[in-house]
Protein backbone atom coordinates (compact mmCIF):
# COMPACT_ATOMS: atom_id res chain seq x y z
CA MET A 1 -21.07 33.51 -47.32
CA GLU A 2 -17.82 32.74 -49.11
CA PRO A 3 -14.54 32.48 -47.24
CA ILE A 4 -12.64 35.74 -46.75
CA VAL A 5 -9.85 36.55 -49.15
CA PRO A 6 -6.48 35.85 -47.47
CA ASP A 7 -5.26 39.47 -47.65
CA LEU A 8 -8.53 40.81 -46.26
CA PHE A 9 -8.45 38.19 -43.48
CA LYS A 10 -4.86 39.15 -42.62
CA ASN A 11 -5.88 42.82 -42.27
CA LEU A 12 -8.94 41.95 -40.16
CA PHE A 13 -6.84 39.64 -37.99
CA HIS A 14 -4.18 42.32 -37.29
CA SER A 15 -6.73 45.03 -36.56
CA HIS A 16 -9.08 43.01 -34.28
CA TYR A 17 -6.67 40.51 -32.68
CA PRO A 18 -5.61 42.71 -29.70
CA THR A 19 -9.22 43.53 -28.76
CA VAL A 20 -10.43 39.94 -29.04
CA ARG A 21 -7.47 38.63 -27.03
CA ARG A 22 -7.86 41.31 -24.31
CA LYS A 23 -11.57 40.49 -23.90
CA LEU A 24 -10.87 36.76 -23.66
CA VAL A 25 -8.08 37.31 -21.11
CA ALA A 26 -10.57 39.30 -19.02
CA LEU A 27 -13.17 36.57 -19.39
CA VAL A 28 -11.13 33.41 -18.73
CA ARG A 29 -8.34 35.00 -16.63
CA ASP A 30 -5.61 32.90 -18.23
CA GLU A 31 -3.23 34.29 -20.88
CA ALA A 32 -2.40 30.96 -22.53
CA ILE A 33 -6.03 29.82 -22.70
CA ALA A 34 -7.09 33.23 -24.01
CA GLU A 35 -4.48 32.91 -26.76
CA ASP A 36 -5.88 29.53 -27.83
CA LEU A 37 -9.46 30.80 -27.72
CA THR A 38 -8.52 33.88 -29.75
CA GLN A 39 -7.16 31.61 -32.45
CA GLU A 40 -10.44 29.69 -32.37
CA VAL A 41 -12.40 32.93 -32.86
CA PHE A 42 -10.35 33.88 -35.91
CA LEU A 43 -10.53 30.35 -37.28
CA ARG A 44 -14.32 30.65 -37.18
CA LEU A 45 -14.07 34.04 -38.86
CA TYR A 46 -11.99 32.55 -41.66
CA ARG A 47 -14.20 29.49 -42.15
CA ASN A 48 -17.61 31.08 -41.70
CA PRO A 49 -17.48 34.92 -41.86
CA PRO A 50 -20.52 37.10 -41.13
CA ASP A 51 -22.73 38.21 -44.00
CA GLU A 52 -21.93 41.86 -43.38
CA LEU A 53 -18.33 42.79 -42.60
CA ASN A 54 -19.63 46.19 -41.41
CA ALA A 55 -20.94 44.38 -38.28
CA LEU A 56 -17.70 42.47 -37.76
CA GLY A 57 -17.04 43.93 -34.28
CA ALA A 58 -20.39 42.73 -32.93
CA TRP A 59 -19.97 39.36 -34.65
CA LEU A 60 -16.48 38.90 -33.12
CA HIS A 61 -17.78 39.91 -29.69
CA ARG A 62 -20.66 37.43 -29.91
CA VAL A 63 -18.36 34.60 -31.06
CA LEU A 64 -15.63 35.31 -28.48
CA THR A 65 -18.23 35.47 -25.71
CA ARG A 66 -19.76 32.17 -26.77
CA ILE A 67 -16.33 30.49 -27.07
CA GLY A 68 -15.20 31.93 -23.72
CA TYR A 69 -18.32 30.82 -21.86
CA ASP A 70 -18.23 27.40 -23.49
CA TYR A 71 -14.66 27.03 -22.22
CA LEU A 72 -15.62 28.18 -18.69
CA ASN A 73 -18.61 25.81 -18.61
CA LYS A 74 -16.43 22.93 -19.73
CA LYS A 75 -13.87 23.69 -16.99
CA ALA A 76 -16.65 23.89 -14.38
CA ARG A 77 -18.02 20.51 -15.48
CA GLU A 78 -14.53 19.00 -15.37
CA LYS A 79 -13.98 20.41 -11.87
CA VAL A 80 -17.27 18.93 -10.62
CA LEU A 81 -16.42 15.58 -12.21
CA ILE A 82 -12.94 15.54 -10.65
CA GLU A 83 -14.33 16.41 -7.22
CA LYS A 84 -16.94 13.69 -7.56
CA GLN A 85 -14.29 11.15 -8.56
CA GLU A 86 -12.11 12.20 -5.62
CA ARG A 87 -15.02 11.83 -3.20
CA LEU A 88 -15.93 8.45 -4.67
CA GLY A 89 -12.30 7.33 -4.64
CA GLY A 90 -11.91 8.48 -1.03
CA ALA A 91 -15.07 6.66 -0.02
CA LEU A 92 -13.93 3.47 -1.75
CA GLN A 93 -10.52 3.71 -0.12
CA GLN A 94 -12.09 4.31 3.28
CA GLU A 95 -14.50 1.42 2.70
CA THR A 96 -11.57 -0.83 1.76
CA ILE A 97 -9.69 0.20 4.87
CA SER A 98 -12.81 -0.36 6.94
CA ASN A 99 -13.28 -3.83 5.44
CA GLU A 100 -9.64 -4.68 6.18
CA ASP A 101 -10.03 -3.40 9.74
CA ALA A 102 -13.22 -5.41 10.12
CA MET A 103 -11.45 -8.56 8.94
CA ILE A 104 -8.54 -8.02 11.34
CA HIS A 105 -10.99 -7.27 14.13
CA GLN A 106 -12.90 -10.47 13.34
CA LEU A 107 -9.70 -12.53 13.39
CA ASP A 108 -8.67 -10.95 16.68
CA ARG A 109 -12.10 -11.68 18.11
CA GLU A 110 -11.92 -15.32 17.08
CA GLU A 111 -8.46 -15.59 18.63
CA VAL A 112 -9.67 -14.05 21.90
CA GLN A 113 -12.66 -16.41 21.92
CA ASP A 114 -10.26 -19.33 21.60
CA TRP A 115 -8.28 -18.02 24.57
CA LEU A 116 -11.48 -17.52 26.57
CA LYS A 117 -12.39 -21.18 26.01
CA GLU A 118 -9.27 -22.12 27.94
CA LEU A 119 -10.41 -20.17 31.00
CA SER A 120 -12.77 -21.36 33.69
CA GLU A 121 -16.49 -20.66 33.33
CA ARG A 122 -16.35 -18.05 36.09
CA ASP A 123 -13.37 -16.17 34.55
CA ARG A 124 -15.06 -16.22 31.14
CA LYS A 125 -18.29 -14.87 32.58
CA VAL A 126 -16.51 -12.11 34.57
CA LEU A 127 -14.64 -10.90 31.49
CA MET A 128 -17.66 -11.11 29.19
CA LEU A 129 -19.78 -9.10 31.62
CA ARG A 130 -17.06 -6.51 32.25
CA TYR A 131 -16.26 -5.94 28.58
CA SER A 132 -19.93 -5.91 27.66
CA GLY A 133 -20.28 -2.72 29.70
CA TYR A 134 -21.68 -4.08 32.95
CA SER A 135 -20.86 -2.18 36.12
CA TYR A 136 -19.18 -3.87 39.06
CA SER A 137 -22.45 -3.94 41.00
CA GLU A 138 -24.25 -5.59 38.04
CA ILE A 139 -21.45 -8.15 37.78
CA ALA A 140 -21.74 -8.83 41.51
CA ASP A 141 -25.47 -9.45 41.07
CA GLN A 142 -24.96 -11.74 38.06
CA LEU A 143 -22.23 -13.81 39.76
CA GLU A 144 -23.91 -13.67 43.16
CA VAL A 145 -20.75 -12.43 44.89
CA ARG A 146 -20.03 -9.47 47.15
CA LEU A 147 -19.27 -6.19 45.38
CA PRO A 148 -15.70 -5.78 46.76
CA LEU A 149 -14.76 -9.17 45.29
CA VAL A 150 -15.63 -8.18 41.69
CA GLY A 151 -12.49 -6.05 41.15
CA THR A 152 -10.30 -8.96 42.24
CA LEU A 153 -12.18 -11.40 40.01
CA VAL A 154 -11.86 -9.09 36.98
CA GLN A 155 -8.14 -8.55 37.63
CA ARG A 156 -7.41 -12.27 38.05
CA ALA A 157 -9.46 -13.25 34.97
CA THR A 158 -7.63 -10.59 32.93
CA THR A 159 -4.27 -11.91 34.12
CA ARG A 160 -5.24 -15.46 33.15
CA LEU A 161 -6.43 -14.30 29.73
CA LYS A 162 -3.12 -12.50 29.15
CA ARG A 163 -1.29 -15.65 30.16
CA GLN A 164 -3.36 -17.63 27.61
CA ALA A 165 -2.42 -15.09 24.92
CA GLU A 166 1.27 -15.35 25.83
CA LEU A 167 1.14 -19.15 25.78
CA HIS A 168 -0.53 -19.06 22.38
CA GLU A 169 2.10 -16.67 21.03
CA GLN A 170 4.93 -18.83 22.41
CA GLU A 171 3.35 -21.85 20.77
CA LEU A 172 3.24 -20.03 17.43
CA TRP A 173 6.88 -19.00 17.84
CA SER A 174 7.92 -22.52 18.62
CA ARG A 175 6.11 -23.77 15.50
CA GLY A 176 7.76 -21.05 13.42
CA ASN A 177 4.47 -19.42 12.36
CA ILE A 178 5.59 -15.95 13.47
CA GLN A 179 8.67 -14.33 12.05
């Protein structure tokens, strides 16, 4: 059909605007968005009016419903996309943190292994067994010592390891590698 004559459109706009706007506010529950969507409805009316103006109310209702639901569907898709991006971003950030922690843990492990090399074979074995989850009785069996002696061996080996760490740190300080 041909575009509506400007005066006729103005009359239709003023008579149907409040109803269309009220229905869109009820549908989308946002005054500003409903205002924009109402303008879209009347823009469609102006550009492509129905064949019969007698059925204008039904035509406006059908168009405003379609425009309103299209808007709501678009917002729902955007919300899902944003949530997905946030989950993905959070996972990447957590993975990055985990990788950094793993690297630091690896460096610490290598440093501790260097310190362990400075200990006697017995001290190394006591500490490795203890920190691998062995019980005192299992350590006693492995080292072929009496059970009461294991606590003393673990304590002395730990003290020597701490001393190695302190010596290493003092060496780094003296070289100026730690600030």
